[in-house]
């Protein structure tokens, strides 16, 4: 098991957090595309965007470590 200094661990966690943020934003784009091409009212429901997009933006741009 590798031992990291405090700054190395923080940097690793920030990179991981930003990758998670990018992943959530990509999922948000996919939800938007699927909701915009839906034919029924249930297919056009984009409620998940209210959760995934803000969380993805917070994880991407925050300097505070939100993941554990």
PDB file of N, CA and C in Angstrom:
ATOM      1  N   UNK A   1       0.848  -1.178   0.000  1.00  0.00           N
ATOM      2  CA  UNK A   1       0.000   0.000   0.000  1.00  0.00           C
ATOM      3  C   UNK A   1       0.889   1.235   0.000  1.00  0.00           C
ATOM      4  N   UNK A   2       0.620   2.135  -0.930  1.00  0.00           N
ATOM      5  CA  UNK A   2       1.431   3.340  -1.056  1.00  0.00           C
ATOM      6  C   UNK A   2       1.006   4.363  -0.004  1.00  0.00           C
ATOM      7  N   UNK A   3       1.991   5.090   0.507  1.00  0.00           N
ATOM      8  CA  UNK A   3       1.693   6.160   1.440  1.00  0.00           C
ATOM      9  C   UNK A   3       1.862   7.481   0.721  1.00  0.00           C
ATOM     10  N   UNK A   4       0.910   8.353   0.909  1.00  0.00           N
ATOM     11  CA  UNK A   4       0.912   9.655   0.259  1.00  0.00           C
ATOM     12  C   UNK A   4       1.059  10.744   1.305  1.00  0.00           C
ATOM     13  N   UNK A   5       1.642  11.858   0.904  1.00  0.00           N
ATOM     14  CA  UNK A   5       1.627  13.018   1.778  1.00  0.00           C
ATOM     15  C   UNK A   5       0.244  13.645   1.700  1.00  0.00           C
ATOM     16  N   UNK A   6      -0.025  14.569   2.580  1.00  0.00           N
ATOM     17  CA  UNK A   6      -1.338  15.201   2.626  1.00  0.00           C
ATOM     18  C   UNK A   6      -1.656  15.918   1.317  1.00  0.00           C
ATOM     19  N   UNK A   7      -0.675  16.625   0.743  1.00  0.00           N
ATOM     20  CA  UNK A   7      -0.910  17.350  -0.510  1.00  0.00           C
ATOM     21  C   UNK A   7      -1.109  16.396  -1.680  1.00  0.00           C
ATOM     22  N   UNK A   8      -0.384  15.288  -1.693  1.00  0.00           N
ATOM     23  CA  UNK A   8      -0.554  14.325  -2.782  1.00  0.00           C
ATOM     24  C   UNK A   8      -1.939  13.690  -2.721  1.00  0.00           C
ATOM     25  N   UNK A   9      -2.383  13.360  -1.515  1.00  0.00           N
ATOM     26  CA  UNK A   9      -3.723  12.775  -1.364  1.00  0.00           C
ATOM     27  C   UNK A   9      -4.799  13.777  -1.761  1.00  0.00           C
ATOM     28  N   UNK A  10      -4.631  15.037  -1.351  1.00  0.00           N
ATOM     29  CA  UNK A  10      -5.602  16.076  -1.715  1.00  0.00           C
ATOM     30  C   UNK A  10      -5.661  16.261  -3.221  1.00  0.00           C
ATOM     31  N   UNK A  11      -4.507  16.284  -3.861  1.00  0.00           N
ATOM     32  CA  UNK A  11      -4.467  16.462  -5.311  1.00  0.00           C
ATOM     33  C   UNK A  11      -5.141  15.277  -6.015  1.00  0.00           C
ATOM     34  N   UNK A  12      -4.881  14.070  -5.528  1.00  0.00           N
ATOM     35  CA  UNK A  12      -5.494  12.876  -6.116  1.00  0.00           C
ATOM     36  C   UNK A  12      -7.011  12.918  -5.962  1.00  0.00           C
ATOM     37  N   UNK A  13      -7.491  13.311  -4.785  1.00  0.00           N
ATOM     38  CA  UNK A  13      -8.926  13.392  -4.559  1.00  0.00           C
ATOM     39  C   UNK A  13      -9.572  14.473  -5.419  1.00  0.00           C
ATOM     40  N   UNK A  14      -8.894  15.617  -5.601  1.00  0.00           N
ATOM     41  CA  UNK A  14      -9.449  16.678  -6.440  1.00  0.00           C
ATOM     42  C   UNK A  14      -9.548  16.238  -7.898  1.00  0.00           C
ATOM     43  N   UNK A  15      -8.554  15.514  -8.380  1.00  0.00           N
ATOM     44  CA  UNK A  15      -8.613  15.007  -9.754  1.00  0.00           C
ATOM     45  C   UNK A  15      -9.757  14.014  -9.895  1.00  0.00           C
ATOM     46  N   UNK A  16      -9.895  13.120  -8.926  1.00  0.00           N
ATOM     47  CA  UNK A  16     -10.987  12.143  -8.949  1.00  0.00           C
ATOM     48  C   UNK A  16     -12.347  12.846  -8.885  1.00  0.00           C
ATOM     49  N   UNK A  17     -12.452  13.887  -8.058  1.00  0.00           N
ATOM     50  CA  UNK A  17     -13.689  14.641  -7.933  1.00  0.00           C
ATOM     51  C   UNK A  17     -14.044  15.332  -9.251  1.00  0.00           C
ATOM     52  N   UNK A  18     -13.062  15.912  -9.905  1.00  0.00           N
ATOM     53  CA  UNK A  18     -13.324  16.592 -11.172  1.00  0.00           C
ATOM     54  C   UNK A  18     -13.729  15.605 -12.261  1.00  0.00           C
ATOM     55  N   UNK A  19     -13.144  14.418 -12.246  1.00  0.00           N
ATOM     56  CA  UNK A  19     -13.559  13.397 -13.206  1.00  0.00           C
ATOM     57  C   UNK A  19     -15.000  12.955 -12.951  1.00  0.00           C
ATOM     58  N   UNK A  20     -15.373  12.838 -11.678  1.00  0.00           N
ATOM     59  CA  UNK A  20     -16.755  12.507 -11.350  1.00  0.00           C
ATOM     60  C   UNK A  20     -17.705  13.614 -11.806  1.00  0.00           C
ATOM     61  N   UNK A  21     -17.273  14.869 -11.644  1.00  0.00           N
ATOM     62  CA  UNK A  21     -18.080  15.995 -12.110  1.00  0.00           C
ATOM     63  C   UNK A  21     -18.282  15.961 -13.610  1.00  0.00           C
ATOM     64  N   UNK A  22     -17.224  15.661 -14.348  1.00  0.00           N
ATOM     65  CA  UNK A  22     -17.343  15.538 -15.803  1.00  0.00           C
ATOM     66  C   UNK A  22     -18.275  14.390 -16.181  1.00  0.00           C
ATOM     67  N   UNK A  23     -18.193  13.302 -15.448  1.00  0.00           N
ATOM     68  CA  UNK A  23     -19.084  12.169 -15.698  1.00  0.00           C
ATOM     69  C   UNK A  23     -20.544  12.538 -15.473  1.00  0.00           C
ATOM     70  N   UNK A  24     -20.821  13.275 -14.404  1.00  0.00           N
ATOM     71  CA  UNK A  24     -22.200  13.685 -14.131  1.00  0.00           C
ATOM     72  C   UNK A  24     -22.710  14.666 -15.180  1.00  0.00           C
ATOM     73  N   UNK A  25     -21.841  15.538 -15.659  1.00  0.00           N
ATOM     74  CA  UNK A  25     -22.252  16.466 -16.717  1.00  0.00           C
ATOM     75  C   UNK A  25     -22.521  15.705 -18.007  1.00  0.00           C
ATOM     76  N   UNK A  26     -21.720  14.693 -18.294  1.00  0.00           N
ATOM     77  CA  UNK A  26     -21.961  13.871 -19.487  1.00  0.00           C
ATOM     78  C   UNK A  26     -23.297  13.127 -19.363  1.00  0.00           C
ATOM     79  N   UNK A  27     -23.591  12.623 -18.182  1.00  0.00           N
ATOM     80  CA  UNK A  27     -24.878  11.965 -17.951  1.00  0.00           C
ATOM     81  C   UNK A  27     -26.020  12.963 -18.124  1.00  0.00           C
ATOM     82  N   UNK A  28     -25.823  14.201 -17.664  1.00  0.00           N
ATOM     83  CA  UNK A  28     -26.843  15.233 -17.815  1.00  0.00           C
ATOM     84  C   UNK A  28     -27.115  15.534 -19.285  1.00  0.00           C
ATOM     85  N   UNK A  29     -26.063  15.589 -20.085  1.00  0.00           N
ATOM     86  CA  UNK A  29     -26.238  15.818 -21.523  1.00  0.00           C
ATOM     87  C   UNK A  29     -27.016  14.666 -22.144  1.00  0.00           C
ATOM     88  N   UNK A  30     -26.681  13.454 -21.749  1.00  0.00           N
ATOM     89  CA  UNK A  30     -27.394  12.285 -22.267  1.00  0.00           C
ATOM     90  C   UNK A  30     -28.873  12.325 -21.876  1.00  0.00           C
ATOM     91  N   UNK A  31     -29.168  12.701 -20.641  1.00  0.00           N
ATOM     92  CA  UNK A  31     -30.559  12.810 -20.200  1.00  0.00           C
ATOM     93  C   UNK A  31     -31.283  13.883 -21.005  1.00  0.00           C
ATOM     94  N   UNK A  32     -30.621  15.001 -21.256  1.00  0.00           N
ATOM     95  CA  UNK A  32     -31.245  16.071 -22.037  1.00  0.00           C
ATOM     96  C   UNK A  32     -31.560  15.614 -23.457  1.00  0.00           C
ATOM     97  N   UNK A  33     -30.618  14.925 -24.078  1.00  0.00           N
ATOM     98  CA  UNK A  33     -30.837  14.436 -25.445  1.00  0.00           C
ATOM     99  C   UNK A  33     -31.987  13.440 -25.477  1.00  0.00           C
ATOM    100  N   UNK A  34     -32.010  12.524 -24.532  1.00  0.00           N
ATOM    101  CA  UNK A  34     -33.089  11.541 -24.488  1.00  0.00           C
ATOM    102  C   UNK A  34     -34.440  12.201 -24.212  1.00  0.00           C
ATOM    103  N   UNK A  35     -34.447  13.189 -23.325  1.00  0.00           N
ATOM    104  CA  UNK A  35     -35.713  13.859 -23.001  1.00  0.00           C
ATOM    105  C   UNK A  35     -36.196  14.739 -24.150  1.00  0.00           C
ATOM    106  N   UNK A  36     -35.285  15.315 -24.912  1.00  0.00           N
ATOM    107  CA  UNK A  36     -35.712  16.195 -25.999  1.00  0.00           C
ATOM    108  C   UNK A  36     -36.209  15.421 -27.216  1.00  0.00           C
ATOM    109  N   UNK A  37     -35.865  14.147 -27.318  1.00  0.00           N
ATOM    110  CA  UNK A  37     -36.318  13.354 -28.457  1.00  0.00           C
ATOM    111  C   UNK A  37     -37.455  12.409 -28.094  1.00  0.00           C
ATOM    112  N   UNK A  38     -38.002  12.538 -26.895  1.00  0.00           N
ATOM    113  CA  UNK A  38     -39.075  11.646 -26.461  1.00  0.00           C
ATOM    114  C   UNK A  38     -40.379  11.924 -27.191  1.00  0.00           C
ATOM    115  N   UNK A  39     -41.195  10.912 -27.315  1.00  0.00           N
ATOM    116  CA  UNK A  39     -42.470  11.062 -28.015  1.00  0.00           C
ATOM    117  C   UNK A  39     -43.635  11.175 -27.037  1.00  0.00           C
ATOM    118  N   UNK A  40     -43.563  10.514 -25.894  1.00  0.00           N
ATOM    119  CA  UNK A  40     -44.643  10.606 -24.909  1.00  0.00           C
ATOM    120  C   UNK A  40     -44.196  11.526 -23.779  1.00  0.00           C
ATOM    121  N   UNK A  41     -45.135  11.886 -22.927  1.00  0.00           N
ATOM    122  CA  UNK A  41     -44.834  12.788 -21.814  1.00  0.00           C
ATOM    123  C   UNK A  41     -43.844  12.151 -20.846  1.00  0.00           C
ATOM    124  N   UNK A  42     -43.898  10.835 -20.689  1.00  0.00           N
ATOM    125  CA  UNK A  42     -42.958  10.150 -19.798  1.00  0.00           C
ATOM    126  C   UNK A  42     -41.556  10.136 -20.391  1.00  0.00           C
ATOM    127  N   UNK A  43     -41.459  10.068 -21.707  1.00  0.00           N
ATOM    128  CA  UNK A  43     -40.144  10.086 -22.361  1.00  0.00           C
ATOM    129  C   UNK A  43     -39.496  11.462 -22.298  1.00  0.00           C
ATOM    130  N   UNK A  44     -40.304  12.502 -22.176  1.00  0.00           N
ATOM    131  CA  UNK A  44     -39.768  13.870 -22.162  1.00  0.00           C
ATOM    132  C   UNK A  44     -39.482  14.378 -20.759  1.00  0.00           C
ATOM    133  N   UNK A  45     -39.560  13.524 -19.772  1.00  0.00           N
ATOM    134  CA  UNK A  45     -39.327  13.927 -18.386  1.00  0.00           C
ATOM    135  C   UNK A  45     -37.823  14.082 -18.134  1.00  0.00           C
ATOM    136  N   UNK A  46     -37.394  15.280 -17.792  1.00  0.00           N
ATOM    137  CA  UNK A  46     -35.984  15.541 -17.544  1.00  0.00           C
ATOM    138  C   UNK A  46     -35.703  15.939 -16.107  1.00  0.00           C
ATOM    139  N   UNK A  47     -36.459  15.408 -15.177  1.00  0.00           N
ATOM    140  CA  UNK A  47     -36.317  15.768 -13.768  1.00  0.00           C
ATOM    141  C   UNK A  47     -34.931  15.433 -13.224  1.00  0.00           C
ATOM    142  N   UNK A  48     -34.330  14.404 -13.728  1.00  0.00           N
ATOM    143  CA  UNK A  48     -33.006  14.002 -13.231  1.00  0.00           C
ATOM    144  C   UNK A  48     -31.958  15.083 -13.491  1.00  0.00           C
ATOM    145  N   UNK A  49     -32.204  15.942 -14.475  1.00  0.00           N
ATOM    146  CA  UNK A  49     -31.273  17.047 -14.731  1.00  0.00           C
ATOM    147  C   UNK A  49     -31.173  17.994 -13.543  1.00  0.00           C
ATOM    148  N   UNK A  50     -32.261  18.114 -12.772  1.00  0.00           N
ATOM    149  CA  UNK A  50     -32.252  19.000 -11.612  1.00  0.00           C
ATOM    150  C   UNK A  50     -31.283  18.530 -10.538  1.00  0.00           C
ATOM    151  N   UNK A  51     -30.911  17.269 -10.574  1.00  0.00           N
ATOM    152  CA  UNK A  51     -29.978  16.727  -9.592  1.00  0.00           C
ATOM    153  C   UNK A  51     -28.577  16.546 -10.162  1.00  0.00           C
ATOM    154  N   UNK A  52     -28.480  16.012 -11.371  1.00  0.00           N
ATOM    155  CA  UNK A  52     -27.172  15.644 -11.909  1.00  0.00           C
ATOM    156  C   UNK A  52     -26.353  16.843 -12.377  1.00  0.00           C
ATOM    157  N   UNK A  53     -26.978  17.810 -13.034  1.00  0.00           N
ATOM    158  CA  UNK A  53     -26.214  18.938 -13.565  1.00  0.00           C
ATOM    159  C   UNK A  53     -25.634  19.831 -12.469  1.00  0.00           C
ATOM    160  N   UNK A  54     -26.428  20.289 -11.486  1.00  0.00           N
ATOM    161  CA  UNK A  54     -25.814  21.110 -10.427  1.00  0.00           C
ATOM    162  C   UNK A  54     -24.739  20.368  -9.637  1.00  0.00           C
ATOM    163  N   UNK A  55     -24.981  19.096  -9.343  1.00  0.00           N
ATOM    164  CA  UNK A  55     -23.978  18.324  -8.599  1.00  0.00           C
ATOM    165  C   UNK A  55     -22.700  18.168  -9.416  1.00  0.00           C
ATOM    166  N   UNK A  56     -22.847  17.931 -10.721  1.00  0.00           N
ATOM    167  CA  UNK A  56     -21.674  17.823 -11.576  1.00  0.00           C
ATOM    168  C   UNK A  56     -20.887  19.119 -11.635  1.00  0.00           C
ATOM    169  N   UNK A  57     -21.586  20.257 -11.706  1.00  0.00           N
ATOM    170  CA  UNK A  57     -20.898  21.552 -11.735  1.00  0.00           C
ATOM    171  C   UNK A  57     -20.193  21.841 -10.421  1.00  0.00           C
ATOM    172  N   UNK A  58     -20.834  21.489  -9.317  1.00  0.00           N
ATOM    173  CA  UNK A  58     -20.200  21.690  -8.008  1.00  0.00           C
ATOM    174  C   UNK A  58     -18.928  20.854  -7.904  1.00  0.00           C
ATOM    175  N   UNK A  59     -19.000  19.585  -8.301  1.00  0.00           N
ATOM    176  CA  UNK A  59     -17.825  18.720  -8.216  1.00  0.00           C
ATOM    177  C   UNK A  59     -16.718  19.176  -9.154  1.00  0.00           C
ATOM    178  N   UNK A  60     -17.079  19.741 -10.283  1.00  0.00           N
ATOM    179  CA  UNK A  60     -16.077  20.155 -11.257  1.00  0.00           C
ATOM    180  C   UNK A  60     -15.345  21.420 -10.830  1.00  0.00           C
ATOM    181  N   UNK A  61     -16.054  22.400 -10.290  1.00  0.00           N
ATOM    182  CA  UNK A  61     -15.456  23.708 -10.041  1.00  0.00           C
ATOM    183  C   UNK A  61     -15.110  23.995  -8.587  1.00  0.00           C
ATOM    184  N   UNK A  62     -15.488  23.143  -7.662  1.00  0.00           N
ATOM    185  CA  UNK A  62     -15.227  23.397  -6.255  1.00  0.00           C
ATOM    186  C   UNK A  62     -13.774  23.066  -5.893  1.00  0.00           C
ATOM    187  N   UNK A  63     -13.211  23.884  -5.020  1.00  0.00           N
ATOM    188  CA  UNK A  63     -11.879  23.589  -4.498  1.00  0.00           C
ATOM    189  C   UNK A  63     -11.953  22.771  -3.213  1.00  0.00           C
ATOM    190  N   UNK A  64     -13.154  22.709  -2.644  1.00  0.00           N
ATOM    191  CA  UNK A  64     -13.380  21.899  -1.456  1.00  0.00           C
ATOM    192  C   UNK A  64     -13.580  20.453  -1.895  1.00  0.00           C
ATOM    193  N   UNK A  65     -13.080  19.516  -1.128  1.00  0.00           N
ATOM    194  CA  UNK A  65     -13.231  18.106  -1.447  1.00  0.00           C
ATOM    195  C   UNK A  65     -14.587  17.638  -0.944  1.00  0.00           C
ATOM    196  N   UNK A  66     -15.463  17.244  -1.860  1.00  0.00           N
ATOM    197  CA  UNK A  66     -16.806  16.820  -1.535  1.00  0.00           C
ATOM    198  C   UNK A  66     -16.917  15.292  -1.473  1.00  0.00           C
ATOM    199  N   UNK A  67     -15.979  14.581  -2.070  1.00  0.00           N
ATOM    200  CA  UNK A  67     -16.046  13.123  -2.071  1.00  0.00           C
ATOM    201  C   UNK A  67     -15.247  12.577  -0.899  1.00  0.00           C
ATOM    202  N   UNK A  68     -15.589  11.393  -0.478  1.00  0.00           N
ATOM    203  CA  UNK A  68     -14.863  10.785   0.645  1.00  0.00           C
ATOM    204  C   UNK A  68     -14.360   9.420   0.218  1.00  0.00           C
TER     205      UNK A  68
END
